[in-house]
N, C-alpha and C. Protein backbone atom coordinates (compact mmCIF):
# COMPACT_ATOMS: atom_id res chain seq x y z
N UNK A 1 1.06 -1.18 -0.25
CA UNK A 1 -0.08 -0.20 0.20
C UNK A 1 0.92 0.76 0.37
N UNK A 2 0.64 2.35 -0.73
CA UNK A 2 1.66 3.25 -1.04
C UNK A 2 1.17 4.54 -0.11
N UNK A 3 1.72 5.38 0.17
CA UNK A 3 1.55 6.52 1.31
C UNK A 3 0.29 7.33 0.67
N UNK A 4 -0.04 7.59 -0.38
CA UNK A 4 -1.33 8.31 -0.64
C UNK A 4 -2.48 7.64 -0.65
N UNK A 5 -2.12 6.31 -1.03
CA UNK A 5 -3.33 5.20 -0.39
C UNK A 5 -3.87 5.46 1.03
N UNK A 6 -2.67 5.39 1.60
CA UNK A 6 -2.91 5.18 3.32
C UNK A 6 -3.35 6.58 3.80
N UNK A 7 -3.40 7.82 3.20
CA UNK A 7 -3.62 9.23 3.80
C UNK A 7 -4.90 9.23 3.12
N UNK A 8 -5.41 9.42 1.30
CA UNK A 8 -6.21 8.77 1.04
C UNK A 8 -7.47 8.05 2.38
N UNK A 9 -7.03 7.15 2.63
CA UNK A 9 -8.12 6.56 3.62
C UNK A 9 -7.91 6.97 5.12
N UNK A 10 -7.05 7.64 5.69
CA UNK A 10 -7.39 8.67 6.48
C UNK A 10 -7.90 9.81 6.51
N UNK A 11 -8.34 10.04 5.39
CA UNK A 11 -8.95 11.56 5.26
C UNK A 11 -9.94 11.06 5.08
N UNK A 12 -10.60 9.95 4.90
CA UNK A 12 -11.83 9.81 4.90
C UNK A 12 -12.90 8.75 5.90
N UNK A 13 -11.59 8.18 6.75
CA UNK A 13 -12.33 7.77 8.08
C UNK A 13 -12.10 9.33 8.78
N UNK A 14 -11.43 10.58 8.24
CA UNK A 14 -11.85 11.16 9.66
C UNK A 14 -13.33 12.42 8.96
N UNK A 15 -13.25 12.38 8.01
CA UNK A 15 -14.65 12.59 7.41
C UNK A 15 -15.78 12.39 7.85
N UNK A 16 -15.50 10.47 8.28
CA UNK A 16 -16.74 9.71 8.52
C UNK A 16 -17.01 10.17 10.51
N UNK A 17 -15.76 10.38 10.79
CA UNK A 17 -15.90 10.75 12.29
C UNK A 17 -16.26 12.12 12.79
N UNK A 18 -16.68 12.80 11.46
CA UNK A 18 -16.85 14.35 11.91
C UNK A 18 -18.13 14.70 11.38
N UNK A 19 -18.46 13.62 10.45
CA UNK A 19 -20.17 13.61 10.49
C UNK A 19 -20.44 13.03 11.55
N UNK A 20 -20.09 11.94 12.38
CA UNK A 20 -20.21 11.43 13.51
C UNK A 20 -20.53 11.95 14.81
N UNK A 21 -19.75 13.32 14.96
CA UNK A 21 -20.06 14.16 15.92
C UNK A 21 -20.72 15.45 15.36
N UNK A 22 -21.37 15.41 14.34
CA UNK A 22 -22.13 16.62 14.68
C UNK A 22 -23.51 16.82 15.05
N UNK A 23 -23.86 17.80 15.86
CA UNK A 23 -24.63 17.59 16.94
C UNK A 23 -26.13 18.24 16.29
N UNK A 24 -27.05 16.95 16.11
CA UNK A 24 -28.13 17.50 15.55
C UNK A 24 -29.08 18.27 16.58
N UNK A 25 -29.73 18.94 16.13
CA UNK A 25 -30.67 19.51 16.67
C UNK A 25 -32.39 19.52 16.99
N UNK A 26 -32.84 19.00 18.34
CA UNK A 26 -34.01 18.71 18.21
C UNK A 26 -35.03 19.85 19.42
N UNK A 27 -35.55 19.90 19.24
CA UNK A 27 -36.39 20.97 19.55
C UNK A 27 -36.97 20.66 21.07
N UNK A 28 -36.70 22.19 21.64
CA UNK A 28 -36.40 21.97 22.76
C UNK A 28 -38.05 21.80 23.46
N UNK A 29 -37.77 21.59 24.80
CA UNK A 29 -39.47 21.92 25.37
C UNK A 29 -39.81 23.49 25.38
N UNK A 30 -38.57 23.77 25.47
CA UNK A 30 -38.78 25.39 25.96
C UNK A 30 -39.15 26.36 24.35
N UNK A 31 -39.01 25.44 23.18
CA UNK A 31 -39.50 26.11 22.33
C UNK A 31 -41.03 26.71 22.00
N UNK A 32 -41.87 25.53 22.62
CA UNK A 32 -43.42 26.58 22.23
C UNK A 32 -43.59 27.63 23.60
N UNK A 33 -42.19 27.93 24.46
CA UNK A 33 -43.12 29.16 25.20
C UNK A 33 -41.83 30.24 24.69
N UNK A 34 -41.27 30.29 23.98
CA UNK A 34 -40.35 31.07 23.34
C UNK A 34 -40.84 32.62 23.55
N UNK A 35 -41.73 32.79 23.31
CA UNK A 35 -42.58 34.27 23.05
C UNK A 35 -42.44 35.03 24.36
N UNK A 36 -42.98 34.05 25.53
CA UNK A 36 -43.20 34.22 26.84
C UNK A 36 -41.51 34.33 27.57
N UNK A 37 -40.92 33.35 27.55
CA UNK A 37 -39.24 33.84 27.67
C UNK A 37 -38.74 34.82 27.44
N UNK A 38 -38.86 35.01 26.33
CA UNK A 38 -38.03 36.50 25.56
C UNK A 38 -38.87 37.75 26.82
N UNK A 39 -39.79 37.76 25.84
CA UNK A 39 -40.60 38.62 26.98
C UNK A 39 -40.52 38.98 28.37
N UNK A 40 -40.25 37.96 29.05
CA UNK A 40 -39.84 37.93 30.35
C UNK A 40 -38.17 38.50 31.02
N UNK A 41 -37.54 38.22 29.83
CA UNK A 41 -36.11 37.98 29.97
C UNK A 41 -35.71 39.74 29.76
N UNK A 42 -36.22 40.31 28.83
CA UNK A 42 -36.58 41.57 27.99
C UNK A 42 -37.22 42.43 29.12
N UNK A 43 -37.50 41.95 30.02
CA UNK A 43 -38.24 42.82 31.01
C UNK A 43 -37.44 42.76 32.14
N UNK A 44 -36.74 42.35 32.50
CA UNK A 44 -35.47 42.29 33.35
C UNK A 44 -35.67 40.70 34.28
N UNK A 45 -36.49 39.86 33.66
CA UNK A 45 -36.14 38.55 34.60
C UNK A 45 -34.78 37.94 34.05
N UNK A 46 -34.99 37.49 35.63
CA UNK A 46 -33.53 36.59 35.42
C UNK A 46 -33.60 35.21 34.96
N UNK A 47 -32.97 34.50 34.93
CA UNK A 47 -33.10 32.96 34.39
C UNK A 47 -33.78 32.04 35.66
N UNK A 48 -33.37 32.48 36.65
CA UNK A 48 -33.89 31.34 38.13
C UNK A 48 -35.35 31.83 37.96
N UNK A 49 -35.47 33.41 37.99
CA UNK A 49 -37.10 33.54 38.05
C UNK A 49 -37.64 33.14 37.06
N UNK A 50 -37.45 33.54 35.51
CA UNK A 50 -38.29 32.69 34.50
C UNK A 50 -38.06 30.89 35.05
N UNK A 51 -37.15 30.12 35.51
CA UNK A 51 -37.30 28.90 36.10
C UNK A 51 -38.55 28.66 36.49
N UNK A 52 -38.46 29.55 37.35
CA UNK A 52 -39.50 29.76 38.81
C UNK A 52 -40.71 29.97 38.38
N UNK A 53 -41.11 30.45 37.11
CA UNK A 53 -42.29 31.08 36.59
C UNK A 53 -42.95 29.78 35.84
N UNK A 54 -41.59 29.29 35.09
CA UNK A 54 -42.20 28.04 34.14
C UNK A 54 -42.58 26.92 35.11
N UNK A 55 -41.83 26.66 36.18
CA UNK A 55 -42.12 25.63 36.85
C UNK A 55 -43.70 25.92 37.17
N UNK A 56 -44.23 27.00 38.01
CA UNK A 56 -45.12 27.42 38.46
C UNK A 56 -46.50 27.61 37.40
N UNK A 57 -46.42 28.02 36.68
CA UNK A 57 -47.66 28.73 35.80
C UNK A 57 -47.57 27.17 34.89
N UNK A 58 -46.47 26.92 33.86
CA UNK A 58 -46.68 26.10 32.99
C UNK A 58 -45.81 24.62 33.31
N UNK A 59 -45.73 24.40 34.54
CA UNK A 59 -45.55 22.61 35.36
C UNK A 59 -44.35 22.38 33.96
N UNK A 60 -43.41 23.26 33.62
CA UNK A 60 -41.79 22.66 33.16
C UNK A 60 -40.90 22.71 33.99
N UNK A 61 -40.34 21.91 34.69
CA UNK A 61 -39.15 22.13 35.09
C UNK A 61 -38.02 22.13 34.48
N UNK A 62 -36.97 23.16 34.65
CA UNK A 62 -35.74 22.93 33.90
C UNK A 62 -34.58 24.01 34.79
N UNK A 63 -33.80 23.70 34.39
CA UNK A 63 -32.61 24.59 35.51
C UNK A 63 -32.24 26.12 34.78
N UNK A 64 -31.83 26.72 35.81
CA UNK A 64 -31.84 28.35 35.07
C UNK A 64 -30.74 28.44 33.79
N UNK A 65 -30.29 27.74 34.10
CA UNK A 65 -28.51 27.82 33.03
C UNK A 65 -29.41 27.30 31.71
N UNK A 66 -30.44 26.45 31.53
CA UNK A 66 -31.32 25.93 30.05
C UNK A 66 -31.84 27.07 29.74
N UNK A 67 -32.21 28.01 30.56
CA UNK A 67 -33.00 29.13 29.95
C UNK A 67 -32.29 30.02 29.37
N UNK A 68 -30.89 30.20 29.63
CA UNK A 68 -29.54 30.84 29.24
C UNK A 68 -29.45 30.47 27.97
N UNK A 69 -29.05 28.98 28.31
CA UNK A 69 -28.92 28.64 26.89
C UNK A 69 -29.57 28.43 25.51
N UNK A 70 -30.99 28.34 25.91
CA UNK A 70 -31.84 28.71 24.86
C UNK A 70 -32.34 30.04 24.29
N UNK A 71 -32.18 31.01 25.28
CA UNK A 71 -32.09 32.41 24.87
C UNK A 71 -30.61 32.83 24.36
N UNK A 72 -29.84 32.24 24.33
CA UNK A 72 -28.58 32.55 23.52
C UNK A 72 -28.74 31.59 22.09
N UNK A 73 -29.29 30.54 21.92
CA UNK A 73 -29.42 30.04 20.51
C UNK A 73 -30.15 30.67 19.61
N UNK A 74 -31.95 31.10 20.60
CA UNK A 74 -32.53 32.13 19.67
C UNK A 74 -31.79 33.46 19.41
N UNK A 75 -31.19 34.25 20.31
CA UNK A 75 -30.26 35.01 19.47
C UNK A 75 -29.75 35.23 18.50
N UNK A 76 -28.75 33.97 18.42
CA UNK A 76 -27.87 33.65 17.63
C UNK A 76 -28.48 33.51 16.42
N UNK A 77 -29.96 32.61 16.08
CA UNK A 77 -30.75 32.36 15.15
C UNK A 77 -31.21 33.45 14.34
N UNK A 78 -31.32 35.03 15.51
CA UNK A 78 -31.90 35.83 14.77
C UNK A 78 -30.91 36.53 14.04
N UNK A 79 -29.84 36.88 15.18
CA UNK A 79 -28.88 37.37 13.99
C UNK A 79 -28.06 37.01 13.05
N UNK A 80 -28.59 36.21 12.59
CA UNK A 80 -28.44 35.03 11.52
C UNK A 80 -29.29 35.36 9.79
N UNK A 81 -30.25 35.88 10.92
CA UNK A 81 -31.50 35.79 9.78
C UNK A 81 -31.32 37.29 8.98
N UNK A 82 -30.58 38.30 10.28
CA UNK A 82 -30.63 39.22 9.63
C UNK A 82 -29.75 40.05 8.17
C-alpha cells in the first residue's frame, strides 16, 4: 500500500468521524414558550425567575442555565437571519 493510499484512507475516516460528531438539533421543551420567555427576559427577569415561573405556571421544570442557553440559541438564530 502506498503512502497516498494511506493518506486517502485516513482522510475518509476523518470525514466519517466528523459527520458522527455533528450535533443534531432537536426541538426543546422551551420552544413553545419562546415568546413568553423572551418577553420575561427583556423585561428584566433573571434565568432563575423565568425557571420558577415556568415551573409554577407552565409545569415545566428546567434548570436556569437551560433558559440562558435557549436565549443564546434564539438570539444567534435571529442574528443569522438579519
